[in-house]
Amino acid sequence: MRMFLGMVLGALLLGCGVYVYDSMQTSSVAHGEVATTNRTIVNWDVAKADWDALRDRAHKDWVRISSK
């Protein structure tokens, strides 16, 4: 149980750390070629779009399953 809790906590800390690091970096869209050295680790727009698609699909599946 401790190992599982440690892995979950580690994953959360890693995700939060990457988010904080990326939020401090400049956007390549905002500053053009100058910002290529300060690229973010995660493309958060794509991650949000994927998360929204997953959430919408889960909601549609839940409605379909619960209507039976």
N, C-alpha and C. Protein backbone atom coordinates (compact mmCIF):
# COMPACT_ATOMS: atom_id res chain seq x y z
N MET A 1 0.82 -1.19 0.00
CA MET A 1 0.00 0.00 0.00
C MET A 1 0.86 1.26 0.00
N ARG A 2 1.95 1.25 0.77
CA ARG A 2 2.85 2.41 0.81
C ARG A 2 3.47 2.65 -0.56
N MET A 3 3.84 1.58 -1.23
CA MET A 3 4.47 1.71 -2.53
C MET A 3 3.49 2.32 -3.53
N PHE A 4 2.25 1.85 -3.52
CA PHE A 4 1.23 2.39 -4.42
C PHE A 4 0.99 3.87 -4.13
N LEU A 5 0.88 4.22 -2.86
CA LEU A 5 0.67 5.62 -2.48
C LEU A 5 1.88 6.46 -2.90
N GLY A 6 3.07 5.94 -2.76
CA GLY A 6 4.27 6.64 -3.19
C GLY A 6 4.31 6.87 -4.69
N MET A 7 3.86 5.87 -5.45
CA MET A 7 3.84 6.03 -6.91
C MET A 7 2.82 7.07 -7.33
N VAL A 8 1.65 7.07 -6.70
CA VAL A 8 0.61 8.06 -7.03
C VAL A 8 1.10 9.46 -6.65
N LEU A 9 1.67 9.59 -5.46
CA LEU A 9 2.18 10.88 -5.02
C LEU A 9 3.31 11.36 -5.94
N GLY A 10 4.18 10.47 -6.35
CA GLY A 10 5.26 10.82 -7.27
C GLY A 10 4.74 11.29 -8.62
N ALA A 11 3.72 10.60 -9.13
CA ALA A 11 3.14 11.00 -10.41
C ALA A 11 2.49 12.39 -10.30
N LEU A 12 1.80 12.63 -9.20
CA LEU A 12 1.18 13.95 -9.00
C LEU A 12 2.23 15.04 -8.87
N LEU A 13 3.29 14.77 -8.13
CA LEU A 13 4.36 15.76 -7.99
C LEU A 13 5.04 16.03 -9.33
N LEU A 14 5.26 14.99 -10.11
CA LEU A 14 5.86 15.16 -11.43
C LEU A 14 4.97 16.01 -12.33
N GLY A 15 3.68 15.70 -12.36
CA GLY A 15 2.75 16.47 -13.18
C GLY A 15 2.67 17.92 -12.76
N CYS A 16 2.62 18.17 -11.46
CA CYS A 16 2.58 19.54 -10.95
C CYS A 16 3.88 20.27 -11.25
N GLY A 17 4.99 19.58 -11.11
CA GLY A 17 6.28 20.20 -11.40
C GLY A 17 6.42 20.60 -12.86
N VAL A 18 5.99 19.72 -13.75
CA VAL A 18 6.05 20.03 -15.18
C VAL A 18 5.13 21.20 -15.50
N TYR A 19 3.95 21.22 -14.89
CA TYR A 19 3.02 22.32 -15.13
C TYR A 19 3.61 23.65 -14.67
N VAL A 20 4.20 23.67 -13.49
CA VAL A 20 4.81 24.89 -12.97
C VAL A 20 5.97 25.33 -13.87
N TYR A 21 6.83 24.39 -14.27
CA TYR A 21 7.95 24.71 -15.15
C TYR A 21 7.44 25.29 -16.47
N ASP A 22 6.44 24.63 -17.07
CA ASP A 22 5.91 25.10 -18.34
C ASP A 22 5.22 26.44 -18.22
N SER A 23 4.56 26.70 -17.09
CA SER A 23 3.87 27.98 -16.95
C SER A 23 4.85 29.13 -16.82
N MET A 24 6.11 28.85 -16.45
CA MET A 24 7.11 29.91 -16.33
C MET A 24 7.84 30.16 -17.65
N GLN A 25 7.69 29.27 -18.63
CA GLN A 25 8.37 29.41 -19.91
C GLN A 25 7.55 30.30 -20.84
N THR A 26 8.21 30.87 -21.82
CA THR A 26 7.52 31.71 -22.79
C THR A 26 6.89 30.84 -23.86
N SER A 27 5.91 31.38 -24.52
CA SER A 27 5.23 30.68 -25.59
C SER A 27 5.91 30.98 -26.91
N SER A 28 6.11 29.97 -27.74
CA SER A 28 6.71 30.20 -29.05
C SER A 28 5.77 30.99 -29.95
N VAL A 29 4.48 30.95 -29.69
CA VAL A 29 3.52 31.72 -30.47
C VAL A 29 3.65 33.20 -30.13
N ALA A 30 3.86 33.52 -28.87
CA ALA A 30 3.91 34.91 -28.43
C ALA A 30 5.18 35.62 -28.85
N HIS A 31 6.30 34.90 -28.96
CA HIS A 31 7.57 35.56 -29.20
C HIS A 31 8.32 35.04 -30.42
N GLY A 32 7.70 34.27 -31.26
CA GLY A 32 8.32 33.82 -32.50
C GLY A 32 9.54 32.94 -32.32
N GLU A 33 10.56 33.16 -33.16
CA GLU A 33 11.73 32.29 -33.17
C GLU A 33 12.60 32.43 -31.93
N VAL A 34 12.51 33.54 -31.24
CA VAL A 34 13.32 33.75 -30.05
C VAL A 34 12.98 32.74 -28.96
N ALA A 35 11.74 32.33 -28.90
CA ALA A 35 11.27 31.45 -27.84
C ALA A 35 11.54 29.97 -28.10
N THR A 36 12.17 29.63 -29.20
CA THR A 36 12.40 28.21 -29.49
C THR A 36 13.31 27.55 -28.46
N THR A 37 14.19 28.32 -27.82
CA THR A 37 15.03 27.73 -26.78
C THR A 37 14.27 27.56 -25.48
N ASN A 38 13.14 28.21 -25.32
CA ASN A 38 12.35 28.13 -24.09
C ASN A 38 11.04 27.39 -24.32
N ARG A 39 11.09 26.33 -25.10
CA ARG A 39 9.86 25.59 -25.40
C ARG A 39 9.37 24.86 -24.17
N THR A 40 8.06 24.71 -24.09
CA THR A 40 7.46 23.99 -22.97
C THR A 40 7.63 22.49 -23.16
N ILE A 41 7.54 21.76 -22.07
CA ILE A 41 7.69 20.30 -22.11
C ILE A 41 6.42 19.66 -22.67
N VAL A 42 5.28 20.16 -22.25
CA VAL A 42 3.99 19.58 -22.64
C VAL A 42 3.21 20.60 -23.45
N ASN A 43 2.58 20.16 -24.52
CA ASN A 43 1.69 21.02 -25.29
C ASN A 43 0.33 20.99 -24.60
N TRP A 44 0.09 21.95 -23.72
CA TRP A 44 -1.08 21.94 -22.85
C TRP A 44 -2.38 22.10 -23.63
N ASP A 45 -2.35 22.76 -24.78
CA ASP A 45 -3.57 22.89 -25.59
C ASP A 45 -4.02 21.53 -26.10
N VAL A 46 -3.08 20.73 -26.56
CA VAL A 46 -3.40 19.39 -27.04
C VAL A 46 -3.85 18.50 -25.89
N ALA A 47 -3.16 18.61 -24.74
CA ALA A 47 -3.54 17.81 -23.58
C ALA A 47 -4.95 18.16 -23.11
N LYS A 48 -5.32 19.45 -23.13
CA LYS A 48 -6.66 19.87 -22.73
C LYS A 48 -7.70 19.35 -23.71
N ALA A 49 -7.40 19.43 -25.01
CA ALA A 49 -8.33 18.93 -26.02
C ALA A 49 -8.56 17.42 -25.87
N ASP A 50 -7.47 16.68 -25.61
CA ASP A 50 -7.60 15.23 -25.40
C ASP A 50 -8.40 14.93 -24.14
N TRP A 51 -8.15 15.68 -23.07
CA TRP A 51 -8.88 15.49 -21.82
C TRP A 51 -10.37 15.79 -22.02
N ASP A 52 -10.69 16.88 -22.74
CA ASP A 52 -12.08 17.22 -23.00
C ASP A 52 -12.77 16.15 -23.83
N ALA A 53 -12.06 15.61 -24.83
CA ALA A 53 -12.64 14.55 -25.66
C ALA A 53 -12.90 13.29 -24.82
N LEU A 54 -11.96 12.95 -23.94
CA LEU A 54 -12.14 11.79 -23.06
C LEU A 54 -13.32 12.00 -22.12
N ARG A 55 -13.42 13.19 -21.53
CA ARG A 55 -14.50 13.49 -20.61
C ARG A 55 -15.86 13.45 -21.32
N ASP A 56 -15.93 14.02 -22.54
CA ASP A 56 -17.18 14.01 -23.29
C ASP A 56 -17.59 12.59 -23.67
N ARG A 57 -16.61 11.78 -24.08
CA ARG A 57 -16.92 10.40 -24.45
C ARG A 57 -17.41 9.61 -23.24
N ALA A 58 -16.74 9.81 -22.09
CA ALA A 58 -17.17 9.11 -20.87
C ALA A 58 -18.58 9.53 -20.47
N HIS A 59 -18.89 10.81 -20.62
CA HIS A 59 -20.23 11.29 -20.28
C HIS A 59 -21.28 10.68 -21.22
N LYS A 60 -20.98 10.65 -22.52
CA LYS A 60 -21.92 10.05 -23.49
C LYS A 60 -22.12 8.56 -23.21
N ASP A 61 -21.03 7.86 -22.90
CA ASP A 61 -21.13 6.43 -22.58
C ASP A 61 -21.93 6.22 -21.30
N TRP A 62 -21.73 7.08 -20.31
CA TRP A 62 -22.48 6.97 -19.05
C TRP A 62 -23.97 7.17 -19.30
N VAL A 63 -24.32 8.16 -20.11
CA VAL A 63 -25.72 8.42 -20.42
C VAL A 63 -26.31 7.22 -21.17
N ARG A 64 -25.55 6.67 -22.12
CA ARG A 64 -26.03 5.52 -22.89
C ARG A 64 -26.22 4.30 -21.99
N ILE A 65 -25.28 4.05 -21.09
CA ILE A 65 -25.37 2.88 -20.21
C ILE A 65 -26.48 3.06 -19.17
N SER A 66 -26.61 4.26 -18.62
CA SER A 66 -27.59 4.46 -17.56
C SER A 66 -29.02 4.55 -18.11
N SER A 67 -29.18 4.77 -19.42
CA SER A 67 -30.53 4.83 -19.97
C SER A 67 -31.11 3.45 -20.23
N LYS A 68 -30.31 2.41 -20.14
CA LYS A 68 -30.81 1.04 -20.40
C LYS A 68 -31.59 0.52 -19.24
